[in-house]
Amino acid sequence: MSHASEHLDSRGTHSQDMRMIEYHDATVRVRYAETDQMGVVYHANYLVWFEVGRVELIRALGIEYKLMEKEDDCHIVVADAHCRYLLSAKYDELLRIRTRIAESRNRIVKFSYEVLREADGKLLAIGETTHIICGSNGRPKLLPAKYQHIFKSVVAPQPDRSES
């Protein structure tokens, strides 16, 4: 589910009468294999869920990451990742991974994440990943203009929760 203010048409171009996606929500259910002996989610799984959120946000923007790699030799490589754990997620809970593009520059894209428990809306974790755009040779390159336009038009930093 996206909180959208503008949608992309089937060609990936923006509809003029709507605003852009502010964030995208992906849903995951905690699997038994993702928990420890106490039924609490192991910390590294949050990074996996961040990837789920990131890929689904990109898809919601009308971009197929697989084609981005194949046709444009454009890979979004993780350079830095942070996660702040607030409350535990447990086995079989339904979670919402809310993903935003926090920053987009020529060679760098930052995504921010919120992990929320679906049942009560409680915020379980927040995070951010920084990515460098690279070619298949592993060297940094410019994000192609067609993606720059889309990414920059949806930049929405994670909300300030310092008073929560």
N, C-alpha and C. Protein backbone atom coordinates (compact mmCIF):
# COMPACT_ATOMS: atom_id res chain seq x y z
N MET A 1 0.85 -1.17 0.00
CA MET A 1 0.00 0.00 0.00
C MET A 1 0.89 1.23 0.00
N SER A 2 0.56 2.18 -0.78
CA SER A 2 1.31 3.42 -0.85
C SER A 2 0.46 4.56 -0.34
N HIS A 3 1.09 5.47 0.33
CA HIS A 3 0.41 6.72 0.63
C HIS A 3 0.77 7.61 -0.54
N ALA A 4 -0.14 7.70 -1.46
CA ALA A 4 0.19 8.35 -2.72
C ALA A 4 -0.48 9.68 -2.85
N SER A 5 0.24 10.55 -3.47
CA SER A 5 -0.33 11.81 -3.82
C SER A 5 -0.29 11.96 -5.34
N GLU A 6 0.57 11.20 -6.00
CA GLU A 6 0.58 11.13 -7.47
C GLU A 6 0.96 9.72 -7.84
N HIS A 7 0.43 9.23 -8.92
CA HIS A 7 0.74 7.88 -9.36
C HIS A 7 1.49 7.91 -10.68
N LEU A 8 2.17 6.82 -10.95
CA LEU A 8 2.85 6.66 -12.22
C LEU A 8 1.93 5.85 -13.12
N ASP A 9 1.90 6.20 -14.40
CA ASP A 9 1.11 5.41 -15.32
C ASP A 9 1.92 4.19 -15.74
N SER A 10 1.40 3.38 -16.65
CA SER A 10 2.06 2.13 -17.03
C SER A 10 3.43 2.35 -17.67
N ARG A 11 3.69 3.55 -18.16
CA ARG A 11 5.01 3.84 -18.75
C ARG A 11 5.97 4.42 -17.73
N GLY A 12 5.52 4.58 -16.48
CA GLY A 12 6.40 5.13 -15.45
C GLY A 12 6.43 6.65 -15.46
N THR A 13 5.48 7.29 -16.16
CA THR A 13 5.45 8.74 -16.16
C THR A 13 4.41 9.22 -15.17
N HIS A 14 4.55 10.43 -14.70
CA HIS A 14 3.70 10.95 -13.65
C HIS A 14 2.37 11.46 -14.19
N SER A 15 1.30 11.12 -13.49
CA SER A 15 0.00 11.69 -13.80
C SER A 15 0.00 13.12 -13.29
N GLN A 16 -0.47 14.07 -14.08
CA GLN A 16 -0.38 15.47 -13.72
C GLN A 16 -1.41 15.88 -12.68
N ASP A 17 -2.49 15.14 -12.53
CA ASP A 17 -3.54 15.55 -11.62
C ASP A 17 -3.39 14.96 -10.21
N MET A 18 -2.32 14.24 -9.95
CA MET A 18 -2.09 13.65 -8.63
C MET A 18 -0.70 14.00 -8.15
N ARG A 19 -0.49 13.82 -6.84
CA ARG A 19 0.83 14.07 -6.27
C ARG A 19 1.60 12.76 -6.17
N MET A 20 2.89 12.83 -5.82
CA MET A 20 3.76 11.63 -5.79
C MET A 20 3.59 10.80 -4.53
N ILE A 21 4.09 9.59 -4.58
CA ILE A 21 4.10 8.68 -3.44
C ILE A 21 4.99 9.28 -2.36
N GLU A 22 4.47 9.33 -1.15
CA GLU A 22 5.22 9.83 0.00
C GLU A 22 5.97 8.68 0.68
N TYR A 23 5.31 7.53 0.78
CA TYR A 23 5.92 6.34 1.34
C TYR A 23 5.19 5.13 0.79
N HIS A 24 5.79 3.97 1.01
CA HIS A 24 5.15 2.73 0.59
C HIS A 24 5.16 1.77 1.76
N ASP A 25 4.04 1.09 1.98
CA ASP A 25 3.93 0.08 3.03
C ASP A 25 3.95 -1.31 2.41
N ALA A 26 4.84 -2.15 2.90
CA ALA A 26 4.88 -3.57 2.53
C ALA A 26 4.55 -4.34 3.80
N THR A 27 3.88 -5.47 3.65
CA THR A 27 3.49 -6.28 4.80
C THR A 27 4.30 -7.56 4.83
N VAL A 28 4.78 -7.91 6.02
CA VAL A 28 5.47 -9.19 6.21
C VAL A 28 4.89 -9.84 7.47
N ARG A 29 4.89 -11.17 7.48
CA ARG A 29 4.49 -11.91 8.67
C ARG A 29 5.75 -12.56 9.22
N VAL A 30 5.96 -12.41 10.52
CA VAL A 30 7.15 -12.97 11.17
C VAL A 30 7.08 -14.49 11.11
N ARG A 31 8.09 -15.08 10.49
CA ARG A 31 8.18 -16.54 10.39
C ARG A 31 8.93 -17.09 11.59
N TYR A 32 8.67 -18.32 11.93
CA TYR A 32 9.31 -18.97 13.08
C TYR A 32 10.84 -18.93 12.93
N ALA A 33 11.33 -19.14 11.71
CA ALA A 33 12.77 -19.18 11.46
C ALA A 33 13.44 -17.82 11.71
N GLU A 34 12.66 -16.75 11.79
CA GLU A 34 13.21 -15.41 12.01
C GLU A 34 13.32 -15.04 13.49
N THR A 35 12.94 -15.98 14.36
CA THR A 35 12.93 -15.69 15.79
C THR A 35 13.97 -16.50 16.55
N ASP A 36 14.23 -16.04 17.78
CA ASP A 36 15.13 -16.79 18.67
C ASP A 36 14.30 -17.76 19.51
N GLN A 37 14.92 -18.36 20.52
CA GLN A 37 14.22 -19.36 21.34
C GLN A 37 13.07 -18.76 22.15
N MET A 38 13.07 -17.46 22.30
CA MET A 38 12.00 -16.79 23.06
C MET A 38 10.88 -16.29 22.13
N GLY A 39 10.98 -16.58 20.83
CA GLY A 39 9.97 -16.15 19.89
C GLY A 39 10.10 -14.70 19.46
N VAL A 40 11.23 -14.08 19.80
CA VAL A 40 11.49 -12.68 19.45
C VAL A 40 12.33 -12.64 18.16
N VAL A 41 12.02 -11.71 17.28
CA VAL A 41 12.72 -11.61 16.00
C VAL A 41 14.20 -11.30 16.23
N TYR A 42 15.04 -12.07 15.54
CA TYR A 42 16.48 -11.85 15.56
C TYR A 42 16.78 -10.54 14.82
N HIS A 43 17.68 -9.74 15.38
CA HIS A 43 17.89 -8.36 14.92
C HIS A 43 18.24 -8.22 13.43
N ALA A 44 18.97 -9.15 12.86
CA ALA A 44 19.41 -9.01 11.46
C ALA A 44 18.24 -9.10 10.48
N ASN A 45 17.14 -9.68 10.90
CA ASN A 45 15.98 -9.80 10.00
C ASN A 45 15.39 -8.45 9.63
N TYR A 46 15.58 -7.45 10.47
CA TYR A 46 15.06 -6.12 10.14
C TYR A 46 15.72 -5.59 8.87
N LEU A 47 17.00 -5.90 8.66
CA LEU A 47 17.68 -5.46 7.45
C LEU A 47 17.11 -6.16 6.22
N VAL A 48 16.72 -7.41 6.37
CA VAL A 48 16.07 -8.14 5.28
C VAL A 48 14.73 -7.48 4.96
N TRP A 49 13.99 -7.11 5.99
CA TRP A 49 12.69 -6.45 5.77
C TRP A 49 12.87 -5.07 5.16
N PHE A 50 13.97 -4.39 5.51
CA PHE A 50 14.25 -3.10 4.86
C PHE A 50 14.38 -3.30 3.35
N GLU A 51 15.04 -4.38 2.95
CA GLU A 51 15.18 -4.66 1.52
C GLU A 51 13.82 -4.92 0.88
N VAL A 52 12.97 -5.67 1.56
CA VAL A 52 11.62 -5.92 1.05
C VAL A 52 10.92 -4.57 0.82
N GLY A 53 10.99 -3.69 1.81
CA GLY A 53 10.36 -2.38 1.69
C GLY A 53 10.92 -1.56 0.55
N ARG A 54 12.23 -1.58 0.41
CA ARG A 54 12.93 -0.81 -0.63
C ARG A 54 12.53 -1.28 -2.03
N VAL A 55 12.56 -2.58 -2.24
CA VAL A 55 12.23 -3.15 -3.55
C VAL A 55 10.76 -2.87 -3.89
N GLU A 56 9.88 -2.98 -2.90
CA GLU A 56 8.46 -2.74 -3.16
C GLU A 56 8.17 -1.26 -3.39
N LEU A 57 8.90 -0.37 -2.73
CA LEU A 57 8.75 1.06 -3.01
C LEU A 57 9.17 1.36 -4.44
N ILE A 58 10.31 0.81 -4.85
CA ILE A 58 10.80 1.03 -6.21
C ILE A 58 9.78 0.50 -7.22
N ARG A 59 9.20 -0.66 -6.93
CA ARG A 59 8.18 -1.24 -7.81
C ARG A 59 6.94 -0.33 -7.85
N ALA A 60 6.54 0.21 -6.71
CA ALA A 60 5.37 1.10 -6.65
C ALA A 60 5.61 2.38 -7.46
N LEU A 61 6.87 2.75 -7.63
CA LEU A 61 7.21 3.92 -8.44
C LEU A 61 7.24 3.61 -9.93
N GLY A 62 6.94 2.36 -10.28
CA GLY A 62 6.90 1.98 -11.69
C GLY A 62 8.24 1.54 -12.24
N ILE A 63 9.17 1.23 -11.35
CA ILE A 63 10.52 0.81 -11.77
C ILE A 63 10.69 -0.67 -11.44
N GLU A 64 11.18 -1.43 -12.42
CA GLU A 64 11.50 -2.83 -12.17
C GLU A 64 13.00 -2.91 -11.91
N TYR A 65 13.38 -3.20 -10.67
CA TYR A 65 14.79 -3.20 -10.30
C TYR A 65 15.59 -4.17 -11.17
N LYS A 66 15.02 -5.30 -11.49
CA LYS A 66 15.69 -6.29 -12.33
C LYS A 66 16.06 -5.69 -13.69
N LEU A 67 15.11 -4.93 -14.28
CA LEU A 67 15.38 -4.28 -15.57
C LEU A 67 16.36 -3.11 -15.42
N MET A 68 16.30 -2.45 -14.29
CA MET A 68 17.23 -1.35 -14.00
C MET A 68 18.67 -1.88 -14.07
N GLU A 69 18.87 -3.07 -13.50
CA GLU A 69 20.20 -3.70 -13.53
C GLU A 69 20.57 -4.16 -14.94
N LYS A 70 19.62 -4.83 -15.58
CA LYS A 70 19.89 -5.44 -16.89
C LYS A 70 20.02 -4.40 -18.01
N GLU A 71 19.06 -3.49 -18.10
CA GLU A 71 19.03 -2.54 -19.23
C GLU A 71 19.91 -1.31 -19.02
N ASP A 72 20.08 -0.89 -17.78
CA ASP A 72 20.82 0.35 -17.50
C ASP A 72 22.13 0.13 -16.75
N ASP A 73 22.48 -1.16 -16.49
CA ASP A 73 23.68 -1.47 -15.72
C ASP A 73 23.75 -0.59 -14.47
N CYS A 74 22.66 -0.55 -13.75
CA CYS A 74 22.51 0.32 -12.60
C CYS A 74 22.15 -0.51 -11.38
N HIS A 75 23.06 -0.57 -10.42
CA HIS A 75 22.87 -1.35 -9.21
C HIS A 75 22.85 -0.40 -8.01
N ILE A 76 21.95 -0.65 -7.08
CA ILE A 76 21.83 0.18 -5.88
C ILE A 76 22.49 -0.59 -4.74
N VAL A 77 23.76 -0.26 -4.47
CA VAL A 77 24.61 -1.03 -3.55
C VAL A 77 24.57 -0.42 -2.15
N VAL A 78 24.28 -1.25 -1.14
CA VAL A 78 24.25 -0.77 0.25
C VAL A 78 25.66 -0.38 0.69
N ALA A 79 25.79 0.85 1.18
CA ALA A 79 27.07 1.34 1.69
C ALA A 79 27.02 1.52 3.21
N ASP A 80 25.82 1.71 3.76
CA ASP A 80 25.68 1.96 5.19
C ASP A 80 24.26 1.57 5.60
N ALA A 81 24.11 1.00 6.79
CA ALA A 81 22.79 0.62 7.29
C ALA A 81 22.72 0.87 8.79
N HIS A 82 21.59 1.41 9.22
CA HIS A 82 21.35 1.67 10.64
C HIS A 82 19.96 1.19 11.00
N CYS A 83 19.83 0.64 12.21
CA CYS A 83 18.52 0.24 12.71
C CYS A 83 18.47 0.54 14.20
N ARG A 84 17.42 1.19 14.64
CA ARG A 84 17.18 1.48 16.06
C ARG A 84 15.98 0.64 16.47
N TYR A 85 16.21 -0.27 17.41
CA TYR A 85 15.16 -1.18 17.86
C TYR A 85 14.43 -0.56 19.04
N LEU A 86 13.12 -0.49 18.94
CA LEU A 86 12.32 0.16 19.98
C LEU A 86 11.49 -0.84 20.78
N LEU A 87 10.83 -1.76 20.09
CA LEU A 87 10.03 -2.81 20.72
C LEU A 87 10.25 -4.10 19.95
N SER A 88 10.03 -5.23 20.60
CA SER A 88 10.25 -6.53 19.96
C SER A 88 9.10 -6.92 19.05
N ALA A 89 9.47 -7.52 17.94
CA ALA A 89 8.50 -8.19 17.07
C ALA A 89 8.57 -9.66 17.43
N LYS A 90 7.44 -10.34 17.33
CA LYS A 90 7.38 -11.74 17.75
C LYS A 90 6.79 -12.62 16.66
N TYR A 91 7.01 -13.91 16.84
CA TYR A 91 6.53 -14.91 15.89
C TYR A 91 5.07 -14.71 15.53
N ASP A 92 4.77 -14.80 14.24
CA ASP A 92 3.46 -14.77 13.62
C ASP A 92 2.80 -13.39 13.60
N GLU A 93 3.48 -12.35 14.09
CA GLU A 93 2.89 -11.01 14.01
C GLU A 93 2.96 -10.51 12.57
N LEU A 94 1.96 -9.73 12.21
CA LEU A 94 1.93 -9.08 10.91
C LEU A 94 2.56 -7.70 11.10
N LEU A 95 3.55 -7.38 10.26
CA LEU A 95 4.28 -6.12 10.37
C LEU A 95 4.13 -5.31 9.09
N ARG A 96 4.18 -4.01 9.24
CA ARG A 96 4.16 -3.07 8.12
C ARG A 96 5.55 -2.46 8.02
N ILE A 97 6.17 -2.57 6.87
CA ILE A 97 7.46 -1.96 6.62
C ILE A 97 7.19 -0.71 5.79
N ARG A 98 7.30 0.45 6.41
CA ARG A 98 7.02 1.72 5.74
C ARG A 98 8.36 2.29 5.25
N THR A 99 8.44 2.51 3.96
CA THR A 99 9.70 2.92 3.33
C THR A 99 9.52 4.23 2.60
N ARG A 100 10.54 5.10 2.76
CA ARG A 100 10.58 6.40 2.07
C ARG A 100 11.94 6.57 1.42
N ILE A 101 12.00 7.40 0.39
CA ILE A 101 13.29 7.86 -0.11
C ILE A 101 13.60 9.12 0.67
N ALA A 102 14.62 9.06 1.51
CA ALA A 102 14.97 10.18 2.38
C ALA A 102 15.85 11.21 1.68
N GLU A 103 16.62 10.73 0.69
CA GLU A 103 17.53 11.63 -0.04
C GLU A 103 17.88 10.97 -1.36
N SER A 104 18.02 11.78 -2.39
CA SER A 104 18.43 11.26 -3.68
C SER A 104 19.36 12.26 -4.34
N ARG A 105 20.57 11.79 -4.62
CA ARG A 105 21.56 12.63 -5.31
C ARG A 105 22.03 11.87 -6.54
N ASN A 106 23.00 12.42 -7.25
CA ASN A 106 23.46 11.82 -8.50
C ASN A 106 23.97 10.39 -8.36
N ARG A 107 24.66 10.10 -7.27
CA ARG A 107 25.26 8.77 -7.08
C ARG A 107 24.83 8.09 -5.79
N ILE A 108 24.03 8.77 -4.98
CA ILE A 108 23.66 8.25 -3.66
C ILE A 108 22.15 8.36 -3.46
N VAL A 109 21.57 7.29 -2.92
CA VAL A 109 20.16 7.30 -2.54
C VAL A 109 20.07 6.78 -1.11
N LYS A 110 19.31 7.51 -0.27
CA LYS A 110 19.08 7.08 1.11
C LYS A 110 17.61 6.74 1.27
N PHE A 111 17.37 5.61 1.91
CA PHE A 111 16.01 5.17 2.21
C PHE A 111 15.84 5.19 3.72
N SER A 112 14.64 5.52 4.19
CA SER A 112 14.34 5.42 5.62
C SER A 112 13.18 4.46 5.80
N TYR A 113 13.14 3.85 6.98
CA TYR A 113 12.19 2.77 7.24
C TYR A 113 11.57 2.92 8.62
N GLU A 114 10.33 2.47 8.71
CA GLU A 114 9.65 2.31 9.99
C GLU A 114 9.04 0.91 9.96
N VAL A 115 9.24 0.16 11.03
CA VAL A 115 8.62 -1.15 11.16
C VAL A 115 7.53 -1.01 12.22
N LEU A 116 6.29 -1.25 11.79
CA LEU A 116 5.14 -1.08 12.68
C LEU A 116 4.40 -2.40 12.85
N ARG A 117 3.90 -2.66 14.06
CA ARG A 117 3.08 -3.84 14.28
C ARG A 117 1.68 -3.54 13.75
N GLU A 118 1.18 -4.37 12.87
CA GLU A 118 -0.11 -4.13 12.24
C GLU A 118 -1.25 -4.11 13.25
N ALA A 119 -1.23 -4.98 14.23
CA ALA A 119 -2.35 -5.12 15.17
C ALA A 119 -2.62 -3.86 15.97
N ASP A 120 -1.57 -3.15 16.39
CA ASP A 120 -1.78 -1.98 17.24
C ASP A 120 -1.10 -0.71 16.74
N GLY A 121 -0.41 -0.80 15.60
CA GLY A 121 0.25 0.38 15.04
C GLY A 121 1.50 0.82 15.78
N LYS A 122 1.96 0.03 16.75
CA LYS A 122 3.16 0.39 17.53
C LYS A 122 4.39 0.39 16.64
N LEU A 123 5.23 1.40 16.84
CA LEU A 123 6.49 1.51 16.12
C LEU A 123 7.52 0.61 16.78
N LEU A 124 8.03 -0.38 16.04
CA LEU A 124 8.97 -1.35 16.59
C LEU A 124 10.42 -1.00 16.31
N ALA A 125 10.68 -0.40 15.15
CA ALA A 125 12.05 -0.06 14.78
C ALA A 125 12.04 1.03 13.72
N ILE A 126 13.12 1.78 13.67
CA ILE A 126 13.33 2.76 12.61
C ILE A 126 14.73 2.52 12.05
N GLY A 127 14.92 2.88 10.80
CA GLY A 127 16.23 2.66 10.22
C GLY A 127 16.45 3.48 8.97
N GLU A 128 17.67 3.36 8.47
CA GLU A 128 18.05 4.06 7.25
C GLU A 128 19.15 3.27 6.57
N THR A 129 19.12 3.25 5.25
CA THR A 129 20.21 2.67 4.48
C THR A 129 20.66 3.69 3.45
N THR A 130 21.97 3.72 3.22
CA THR A 130 22.57 4.59 2.21
C THR A 130 23.12 3.69 1.11
N HIS A 131 22.82 4.06 -0.12
CA HIS A 131 23.21 3.25 -1.27
C HIS A 131 24.00 4.08 -2.27
N ILE A 132 25.00 3.44 -2.85
CA ILE A 132 25.79 4.06 -3.91
C ILE A 132 25.38 3.40 -5.22
N ILE A 133 25.16 4.21 -6.22
CA ILE A 133 24.80 3.69 -7.54
C ILE A 133 26.08 3.20 -8.21
N CYS A 134 26.08 1.95 -8.64
CA CYS A 134 27.27 1.35 -9.27
C CYS A 134 26.88 0.61 -10.54
N GLY A 135 27.87 0.46 -11.41
CA GLY A 135 27.72 -0.40 -12.58
C GLY A 135 28.06 -1.82 -12.17
N SER A 136 27.91 -2.78 -13.09
CA SER A 136 28.22 -4.18 -12.78
C SER A 136 29.70 -4.39 -12.51
N ASN A 137 30.53 -3.40 -12.88
CA ASN A 137 31.95 -3.48 -12.59
C ASN A 137 32.27 -3.06 -11.15
N GLY A 138 31.24 -2.65 -10.40
CA GLY A 138 31.43 -2.27 -9.01
C GLY A 138 31.87 -0.83 -8.80
N ARG A 139 32.02 -0.09 -9.88
CA ARG A 139 32.46 1.31 -9.79
C ARG A 139 31.26 2.24 -9.72
N PRO A 140 31.35 3.29 -8.89
CA PRO A 140 30.24 4.25 -8.80
C PRO A 140 29.96 4.89 -10.15
N LYS A 141 28.69 5.19 -10.37
CA LYS A 141 28.26 5.84 -11.62
C LYS A 141 27.07 6.73 -11.29
N LEU A 142 26.72 7.57 -12.23
CA LEU A 142 25.56 8.44 -12.06
C LEU A 142 24.27 7.62 -12.16
N LEU A 143 23.32 7.98 -11.34
CA LEU A 143 21.99 7.40 -11.45
C LEU A 143 21.39 7.94 -12.76
N PRO A 144 20.96 7.06 -13.67
CA PRO A 144 20.40 7.53 -14.93
C PRO A 144 19.28 8.56 -14.69
N ALA A 145 19.20 9.54 -15.58
CA ALA A 145 18.27 10.66 -15.44
C ALA A 145 16.82 10.21 -15.25
N LYS A 146 16.41 9.15 -15.93
CA LYS A 146 15.01 8.71 -15.81
C LYS A 146 14.68 8.26 -14.38
N TYR A 147 15.67 7.73 -13.65
CA TYR A 147 15.46 7.35 -12.25
C TYR A 147 15.66 8.54 -11.32
N GLN A 148 16.65 9.37 -11.65
CA GLN A 148 16.89 10.58 -10.83
C GLN A 148 15.61 11.39 -10.70
N HIS A 149 14.93 11.60 -11.81
CA HIS A 149 13.70 12.39 -11.81
C HIS A 149 12.65 11.79 -10.87
N ILE A 150 12.45 10.49 -10.97
CA ILE A 150 11.44 9.82 -10.13
C ILE A 150 11.86 9.86 -8.67
N PHE A 151 13.09 9.46 -8.35
CA PHE A 151 13.54 9.41 -6.96
C PHE A 151 13.50 10.78 -6.30
N LYS A 152 14.01 11.80 -7.01
CA LYS A 152 14.05 13.15 -6.41
C LYS A 152 12.65 13.71 -6.19
N SER A 153 11.70 13.30 -7.00
CA SER A 153 10.34 13.84 -6.87
C SER A 153 9.58 13.24 -5.69
N VAL A 154 10.10 12.18 -5.08
CA VAL A 154 9.39 11.54 -3.96
C VAL A 154 10.16 11.62 -2.64
N VAL A 155 11.22 12.39 -2.58
CA VAL A 155 12.00 12.48 -1.34
C VAL A 155 11.09 12.93 -0.20
N ALA A 156 11.09 12.14 0.87
CA ALA A 156 10.27 12.41 2.05
C ALA A 156 11.00 11.86 3.27
N PRO A 157 11.74 12.71 3.99
CA PRO A 157 12.48 12.22 5.15
C PRO A 157 11.57 11.56 6.18
N GLN A 158 12.17 10.64 6.95
CA GLN A 158 11.44 9.96 8.01
C GLN A 158 10.93 11.00 9.01
N PRO A 159 9.72 10.85 9.52
CA PRO A 159 9.18 11.81 10.46
C PRO A 159 10.03 11.90 11.73
N ASP A 160 10.07 13.10 12.32
CA ASP A 160 10.79 13.30 13.58
C ASP A 160 9.94 12.73 14.70
N ARG A 161 10.46 11.72 15.38
CA ARG A 161 9.74 11.08 16.49
C ARG A 161 10.43 11.34 17.81
N SER A 162 11.23 12.39 17.90
CA SER A 162 12.00 12.66 19.11
C SER A 162 11.12 12.98 20.30
N GLU A 163 9.89 13.44 20.07
CA GLU A 163 8.99 13.75 21.18
C GLU A 163 8.04 12.63 21.49
N SER A 164 8.17 11.49 20.78
CA SER A 164 7.27 10.36 21.00
C SER A 164 7.64 9.61 22.26
